């Protein structure tokens, strides 16, 4: 992607890209006339993005071809991916291979906390299939120079079980996942494990598996659902003392994930930075839609602003503590992410993802 001198220049370039007849995205070209402003002249700063409507719900039904920018007709597409359906019918988006490569290169441009070399095989216990997190981790495993192992995980089935209060089926499904993972971890050379917090907690109930993981893993990364700081501290200090545990946070609507900072100790909650200037976060008061003070909790808002996609002003189903960024880009970092209990009248069910 094109490197520009500052965020405002990048933003203007994105407006010209997505709203021009030559390179624009059909989805946005069709909606330009419904806006009460002109994106080409009126969107000049980060704060101006608040003028755009949150279009997330429209992505449940829009034909995905309308999301492909005209300027990228010849670019290779990694796939059509869907949200987890936590707040209703799934949203669908198009993801390009070049975007995944750039995102993963950025995520891996960070030293391992113990100075280890990032080489080895990966086991990912996350949703694959229509979920972009699977594609990201496949790309990540390749970039680490290792093989990619995975286990089928269907988060929507687990959510149906929870909706029906079918605790037995939920637990049986989790054990089914763990049994498959256990076989891989005991028979294959796995250095990196990526898993959701509920799956890690189920794994922590198996003493032999814990011993094996402490002996062989270089790193555990959790993500998908949230983990409170007490649980993370317990898992790191008591269950997996020999394996650094790192966090990830992302959303289908930003086509990827943020990166957690290297924090000074295991008791410090994870802080997540976005892939600026292409992805930016902020934390707002849900009623006024204005940023809360640094150190305060509010609802997370996300913006994806790349040539591959344009999804501004997306109000997420999470709350977080607003933290300062470490660079000169606008917006904020986020910490202590937690789900809302309801979104638009729908109960938020996280399940195993």
Protein backbone atom coordinates (compact mmCIF):
# COMPACT_ATOMS: atom_id res chain seq x y z
CA UNK A 1 0.00 0.00 0.00
CA UNK A 2 1.07 3.57 -0.64
CA UNK A 3 2.97 5.27 2.19
CA UNK A 4 1.84 8.88 2.71
CA UNK A 5 3.39 11.55 4.95
CA UNK A 6 0.61 11.76 7.53
CA UNK A 7 -2.82 10.44 8.42
CA UNK A 8 -4.76 13.30 6.83
CA UNK A 9 -3.01 12.67 3.51
CA UNK A 10 -3.79 8.95 3.81
CA UNK A 11 -7.44 9.70 4.56
CA UNK A 12 -7.78 11.98 1.52
CA UNK A 13 -6.20 9.29 -0.65
CA UNK A 14 -8.72 6.72 0.65
CA UNK A 15 -11.64 9.05 -0.10
CA UNK A 16 -10.39 9.52 -3.65
CA UNK A 17 -9.82 5.76 -4.03
CA UNK A 18 -13.18 4.50 -2.78
CA UNK A 19 -15.35 7.30 -4.20
CA UNK A 20 -13.87 7.76 -7.67
CA UNK A 21 -15.48 6.12 -10.69
CA UNK A 22 -12.14 4.61 -11.75
CA UNK A 23 -11.08 2.85 -8.54
CA UNK A 24 -14.10 3.17 -6.27
CA UNK A 25 -16.02 0.52 -4.38
CA UNK A 26 -19.51 -0.04 -5.89
CA UNK A 27 -21.03 -0.32 -2.40
CA UNK A 28 -19.86 3.22 -1.58
CA UNK A 29 -20.44 4.70 -5.01
CA UNK A 30 -24.07 3.61 -4.73
CA UNK A 31 -24.41 5.23 -1.31
CA UNK A 32 -22.60 8.47 -2.03
CA UNK A 33 -25.84 10.18 -3.04
CA UNK A 34 -27.52 9.22 0.25
CA UNK A 35 -24.88 10.98 2.36
CA UNK A 36 -25.49 14.55 3.55
CA UNK A 37 -21.87 15.46 2.79
CA UNK A 38 -19.35 14.96 0.00
CA UNK A 39 -16.64 12.45 1.00
CA UNK A 40 -14.21 13.96 -1.53
CA UNK A 41 -14.34 17.45 -0.04
CA UNK A 42 -15.77 17.17 3.47
CA UNK A 43 -13.78 14.28 4.97
CA UNK A 44 -10.37 15.69 5.88
CA UNK A 45 -9.54 14.56 9.43
CA UNK A 46 -10.01 11.58 11.74
CA UNK A 47 -12.91 13.31 13.51
CA UNK A 48 -14.73 13.69 10.18
CA UNK A 49 -15.13 9.91 9.95
CA UNK A 50 -17.91 10.21 12.53
CA UNK A 51 -20.09 11.65 9.76
CA UNK A 52 -20.30 8.26 8.05
CA UNK A 53 -23.13 5.89 9.03
CA UNK A 54 -22.27 2.56 10.61
CA UNK A 55 -22.92 0.21 7.68
CA UNK A 56 -22.16 -3.05 9.51
CA UNK A 57 -25.76 -4.30 9.46
CA UNK A 58 -25.98 -3.78 5.68
CA UNK A 59 -23.19 -6.31 5.20
CA UNK A 60 -25.53 -9.12 6.26
CA UNK A 61 -27.27 -8.94 2.87
CA UNK A 62 -25.16 -6.99 0.37
CA UNK A 63 -23.74 -9.06 -2.55
CA UNK A 64 -20.02 -9.29 -1.83
CA UNK A 65 -19.09 -8.33 -5.40
CA UNK A 66 -20.22 -4.81 -4.48
CA UNK A 67 -17.42 -4.67 -1.89
CA UNK A 68 -14.58 -5.17 -4.40
CA UNK A 69 -12.95 -1.86 -5.40
CA UNK A 70 -12.81 -1.32 -9.16
CA UNK A 71 -9.12 -0.55 -8.80
CA UNK A 72 -8.44 -4.06 -7.47
CA UNK A 73 -10.17 -6.17 -10.11
CA UNK A 74 -6.93 -8.03 -10.86
CA UNK A 75 -5.84 -8.54 -7.24
CA UNK A 76 -5.95 -12.07 -5.83
CA UNK A 77 -8.72 -12.61 -3.28
CA UNK A 78 -8.01 -14.76 -0.23
CA UNK A 79 -11.68 -15.44 0.33
CA UNK A 80 -15.12 -14.31 1.38
CA UNK A 81 -15.28 -14.31 5.16
CA UNK A 82 -18.07 -13.94 7.68
CA UNK A 83 -18.53 -12.56 11.16
CA UNK A 84 -19.29 -15.00 13.96
CA UNK A 85 -22.97 -14.13 14.07
CA UNK A 86 -22.78 -13.08 17.71
CA UNK A 87 -25.29 -10.25 17.25
CA UNK A 88 -27.46 -11.76 14.51
CA UNK A 89 -27.12 -12.98 10.95
CA UNK A 90 -23.50 -13.11 9.74
CA UNK A 91 -21.89 -10.21 7.89
CA UNK A 92 -19.80 -11.03 4.79
CA UNK A 93 -16.66 -9.31 3.55
CA UNK A 94 -14.02 -9.82 0.88
CA UNK A 95 -10.38 -10.16 1.95
CA UNK A 96 -7.42 -9.85 -0.40
CA UNK A 97 -4.26 -11.94 -0.11
CA UNK A 98 -2.05 -8.85 -0.21
CA UNK A 99 -3.90 -7.44 2.80
CA UNK A 100 -3.30 -10.61 4.82
CA UNK A 101 0.39 -10.56 3.91
CA UNK A 102 0.78 -6.94 5.01
CA UNK A 103 -1.22 -7.44 8.21
CA UNK A 104 0.76 -10.52 9.26
CA UNK A 105 4.10 -8.86 8.45
CA UNK A 106 3.11 -5.98 10.74
CA UNK A 107 1.93 -8.30 13.52
CA UNK A 108 5.18 -10.28 13.45
CA UNK A 109 7.36 -7.16 13.42
CA UNK A 110 7.76 -7.38 17.17
CA UNK A 111 10.41 -9.15 19.26
CA UNK A 112 9.43 -12.23 21.22
CA UNK A 113 9.35 -11.30 24.95
CA UNK A 114 12.10 -13.84 25.70
CA UNK A 115 14.19 -13.06 22.62
CA UNK A 116 13.31 -16.38 20.97
CA UNK A 117 13.40 -16.81 17.21
CA UNK A 118 9.94 -16.92 15.64
CA UNK A 119 10.35 -20.29 13.91
CA UNK A 120 8.15 -23.33 14.47
CA UNK A 121 4.87 -25.12 13.80
CA UNK A 122 1.51 -23.69 14.82
CA UNK A 123 -1.67 -25.32 16.14
CA UNK A 124 -4.70 -23.04 15.83
CA UNK A 125 -7.81 -23.88 17.83
CA UNK A 126 -9.88 -21.11 16.28
CA UNK A 127 -12.71 -20.96 13.76
CA UNK A 128 -11.56 -21.56 10.19
CA UNK A 129 -13.89 -22.02 7.21
CA UNK A 130 -15.74 -18.71 6.72
CA UNK A 131 -13.85 -16.93 9.51
CA UNK A 132 -10.91 -14.68 8.63
CA UNK A 133 -9.04 -15.53 11.83
CA UNK A 134 -8.25 -18.95 10.36
CA UNK A 135 -6.79 -17.41 7.19
CA UNK A 136 -4.75 -14.92 9.23
CA UNK A 137 -3.23 -17.66 11.35
CA UNK A 138 -2.48 -19.85 8.34
CA UNK A 139 -0.59 -16.91 6.85
CA UNK A 140 1.09 -16.26 10.21
CA UNK A 141 2.25 -19.88 10.48
CA UNK A 142 3.76 -19.73 7.02
CA UNK A 143 5.56 -16.49 7.87
CA UNK A 144 7.03 -18.20 10.93
CA UNK A 145 8.53 -20.85 8.66
CA UNK A 146 6.46 -23.68 10.08
CA UNK A 147 3.54 -25.97 9.33
CA UNK A 148 -0.04 -25.12 10.20
CA UNK A 149 -2.21 -27.54 12.18
CA UNK A 150 -5.83 -26.84 12.97
CA UNK A 151 -8.97 -28.42 14.41
CA UNK A 152 -12.45 -27.75 13.03
CA UNK A 153 -14.26 -25.36 15.35
CA UNK A 154 -17.82 -24.18 14.70
CA UNK A 155 -18.61 -21.31 17.10
CA UNK A 156 -22.15 -20.92 15.82
CA UNK A 157 -23.13 -24.42 16.92
CA UNK A 158 -21.86 -23.72 20.43
CA UNK A 159 -23.84 -20.48 20.55
CA UNK A 160 -26.99 -22.39 19.58
CA UNK A 161 -26.34 -24.79 22.47
CA UNK A 162 -25.97 -21.87 24.88
CA UNK A 163 -29.15 -20.24 23.58
CA UNK A 164 -31.00 -23.49 24.36
CA UNK A 165 -29.29 -23.71 27.76
CA UNK A 166 -27.84 -27.03 26.60
CA UNK A 167 -24.79 -27.01 28.88
CA UNK A 168 -24.09 -30.69 28.32
CA UNK A 169 -23.74 -30.32 24.55
CA UNK A 170 -21.54 -27.25 24.97
CA UNK A 171 -19.18 -29.11 27.29
CA UNK A 172 -19.17 -32.20 25.09
CA UNK A 173 -18.26 -30.10 22.07
CA UNK A 174 -15.40 -28.41 23.94
CA UNK A 175 -14.05 -31.79 25.05
CA UNK A 176 -14.31 -32.99 21.44
CA UNK A 177 -12.06 -30.09 20.40
CA UNK A 178 -9.59 -30.72 23.23
CA UNK A 179 -9.29 -34.43 22.40
CA UNK A 180 -8.27 -33.60 18.83
CA UNK A 181 -5.84 -30.92 20.00
CA UNK A 182 -4.33 -33.28 22.56
CA UNK A 183 -3.59 -35.86 19.88
CA UNK A 184 -1.76 -33.25 17.79
CA UNK A 185 0.18 -31.83 20.74
CA UNK A 186 1.37 -35.28 21.87
CA UNK A 187 2.33 -36.62 18.43
CA UNK A 188 3.56 -33.55 16.54
CA UNK A 189 6.19 -30.87 17.05
CA UNK A 190 4.14 -27.78 17.94
CA UNK A 191 5.78 -24.57 19.13
CA UNK A 192 2.92 -22.08 18.85
CA UNK A 193 -0.63 -22.53 20.12
CA UNK A 194 -3.45 -20.16 19.24
CA UNK A 195 -6.69 -20.75 21.12
CA UNK A 196 -9.75 -19.06 22.55
CA UNK A 197 -9.91 -18.43 26.32
CA UNK A 198 -12.66 -21.03 26.94
CA UNK A 199 -10.61 -23.67 25.10
CA UNK A 200 -7.51 -22.80 27.16
CA UNK A 201 -9.53 -23.16 30.35
CA UNK A 202 -10.72 -26.62 29.28
CA UNK A 203 -7.13 -27.60 28.45
CA UNK A 204 -6.04 -26.46 31.90
CA UNK A 205 -8.12 -29.27 33.45
CA UNK A 206 -5.88 -31.99 31.94
CA UNK A 207 -2.65 -32.40 33.96
CA UNK A 208 -0.78 -34.51 31.39
CA UNK A 209 -1.64 -32.06 28.64
CA UNK A 210 -0.48 -29.12 30.77
CA UNK A 211 2.87 -30.83 31.34
CA UNK A 212 3.31 -31.48 27.63
CA UNK A 213 2.44 -27.90 26.70
CA UNK A 214 4.89 -26.46 29.23
CA UNK A 215 7.63 -28.69 27.84
CA UNK A 216 7.13 -28.05 24.13
CA UNK A 217 5.44 -24.71 23.44
CA UNK A 218 7.28 -21.44 22.82
CA UNK A 219 4.20 -19.26 23.00
CA UNK A 220 0.44 -19.32 23.56
CA UNK A 221 -1.76 -16.65 21.97
CA UNK A 222 -5.36 -16.25 23.03
CA UNK A 223 -8.12 -14.34 21.28
CA UNK A 224 -11.62 -14.50 19.87
CA UNK A 225 -13.46 -14.03 23.16
CA UNK A 226 -12.27 -12.02 26.11
CA UNK A 227 -10.20 -13.05 29.11
CA UNK A 228 -10.18 -11.06 32.33
CA UNK A 229 -6.82 -10.16 33.89
CA UNK A 230 -7.31 -12.52 36.86
CA UNK A 231 -7.80 -15.51 34.55
CA UNK A 232 -4.79 -14.56 32.44
CA UNK A 233 -2.64 -14.16 35.56
CA UNK A 234 -3.76 -17.57 36.84
CA UNK A 235 -3.09 -19.31 33.52
CA UNK A 236 0.34 -17.71 33.16
CA UNK A 237 1.54 -18.07 36.74
CA UNK A 238 -0.07 -21.36 37.78
CA UNK A 239 -0.92 -23.38 34.67
CA UNK A 240 1.59 -22.43 31.96
CA UNK A 241 4.54 -20.89 33.84
CA UNK A 242 7.03 -22.03 31.19
CA UNK A 243 5.18 -20.59 28.19
CA UNK A 244 4.70 -16.86 27.50
CA UNK A 245 1.03 -16.06 26.97
CA UNK A 246 0.12 -13.25 24.59
CA UNK A 247 -3.21 -11.75 23.64
CA UNK A 248 -4.86 -10.80 20.36
CA UNK A 249 -7.93 -8.72 19.64
CA UNK A 250 -9.68 -8.24 16.36
CA UNK A 251 -12.88 -8.04 14.40
CA UNK A 252 -14.15 -9.23 11.05
CA UNK A 253 -15.11 -5.63 10.32
CA UNK A 254 -11.46 -4.53 10.31
CA UNK A 255 -10.43 -7.63 8.34
CA UNK A 256 -8.00 -8.68 11.02
CA UNK A 257 -6.41 -8.21 14.38
CA UNK A 258 -4.59 -5.72 16.56
CA UNK A 259 -1.23 -6.36 18.20
CA UNK A 260 -0.64 -6.60 21.95
CA UNK A 261 2.25 -4.64 23.42
CA UNK A 262 5.04 -6.24 25.41
CA UNK A 263 3.88 -5.35 28.92
CA UNK A 264 6.26 -5.15 31.93
CA UNK A 265 4.81 -8.09 33.88
CA UNK A 266 2.14 -10.77 33.68
CA UNK A 267 -0.17 -8.84 36.02
CA UNK A 268 -0.45 -5.91 33.57
CA UNK A 269 -3.56 -6.13 31.34
CA UNK A 270 -2.90 -6.42 27.61
CA UNK A 271 -2.88 -3.21 25.58
CA UNK A 272 -3.82 -3.51 21.90
CA UNK A 273 -2.54 -1.29 19.10
CA UNK A 274 -4.15 -1.22 15.66
CA UNK A 275 -2.46 -1.41 12.25
CA UNK A 276 -2.34 2.34 11.59
CA UNK A 277 -3.13 4.14 9.39
CA UNK A 278 -5.22 1.36 7.84
CA UNK A 279 -7.05 0.35 11.02
CA UNK A 280 -7.80 2.77 13.84
CA UNK A 281 -9.63 2.37 17.15
CA UNK A 282 -11.27 4.77 19.53
CA UNK A 283 -13.38 4.39 22.65
CA UNK A 284 -16.56 6.41 22.95
CA UNK A 285 -19.43 7.18 25.25
CA UNK A 286 -22.21 5.03 23.77
CA UNK A 287 -24.82 7.78 24.18
CA UNK A 288 -22.94 10.86 22.97
CA UNK A 289 -20.59 9.04 20.53
CA UNK A 290 -17.71 11.23 21.75
CA UNK A 291 -14.36 9.85 22.99
CA UNK A 292 -14.07 9.10 26.68
CA UNK A 293 -11.01 10.27 28.64
CA UNK A 294 -7.87 8.16 28.59
CA UNK A 295 -8.12 5.59 31.36
CA UNK A 296 -11.93 5.49 31.15
CA UNK A 297 -14.17 2.74 29.82
CA UNK A 298 -16.44 3.15 26.82
CA UNK A 299 -17.64 1.35 23.70
CA UNK A 300 -15.08 0.46 21.04
CA UNK A 301 -15.40 2.04 17.59
CA UNK A 302 -13.27 0.81 14.69
CA UNK A 303 -12.32 2.14 11.26
CA UNK A 304 -10.84 0.18 8.34
CA UNK A 305 -9.28 2.60 5.86
CA UNK A 306 -7.23 0.79 3.22
CA UNK A 307 -7.39 0.44 -0.54
CA UNK A 308 -8.77 -3.07 0.09
CA UNK A 309 -11.84 -1.95 2.03
CA UNK A 310 -13.50 1.06 3.62
CA UNK A 311 -15.54 0.50 6.79
CA UNK A 312 -15.57 3.65 8.92
CA UNK A 313 -17.25 4.37 12.23
CA UNK A 314 -18.15 0.78 13.15
CA UNK A 315 -19.48 0.53 16.70
CA UNK A 316 -18.30 -2.79 18.12
CA UNK A 317 -19.97 -5.13 20.61
CA UNK A 318 -17.14 -4.53 23.10
CA UNK A 319 -16.23 -2.04 25.77
CA UNK A 320 -12.63 -1.21 26.66
CA UNK A 321 -10.39 1.16 28.55
CA UNK A 322 -9.15 3.97 26.28
CA UNK A 323 -5.35 4.17 26.21
CA UNK A 324 -2.95 6.55 24.41
CA UNK A 325 -1.32 5.35 21.20
CA UNK A 326 2.47 5.16 21.11
CA UNK A 327 2.73 6.85 17.70
CA UNK A 328 1.43 10.01 16.05
CA UNK A 329 -1.72 8.53 14.56
CA UNK A 330 -5.16 9.59 15.83
CA UNK A 331 -7.51 7.43 17.84
CA UNK A 332 -6.51 5.23 20.74
CA UNK A 333 -5.21 1.90 21.90
CA UNK A 334 -7.55 -0.32 23.93
CA UNK A 335 -7.17 -2.44 27.04
CA UNK A 336 -9.32 -4.67 29.28
CA UNK A 337 -11.77 -5.46 26.49
CA UNK A 338 -15.12 -6.87 27.64
CA UNK A 339 -18.31 -7.75 25.73
CA UNK A 340 -21.54 -5.85 25.99
CA UNK A 341 -24.42 -7.92 27.37
CA UNK A 342 -26.77 -6.90 24.53
CA UNK A 343 -26.46 -5.23 21.12
CA UNK A 344 -29.54 -3.82 19.34
CA UNK A 345 -31.74 -5.94 21.60
CA UNK A 346 -29.83 -9.15 20.88
CA UNK A 347 -28.12 -10.98 23.73
CA UNK A 348 -24.38 -11.28 23.10
CA UNK A 349 -23.30 -14.94 23.33
CA UNK A 350 -19.58 -15.60 23.03
CA UNK A 351 -19.43 -19.37 23.53
CA UNK A 352 -16.01 -20.71 22.51
CA UNK A 353 -15.36 -17.78 20.18
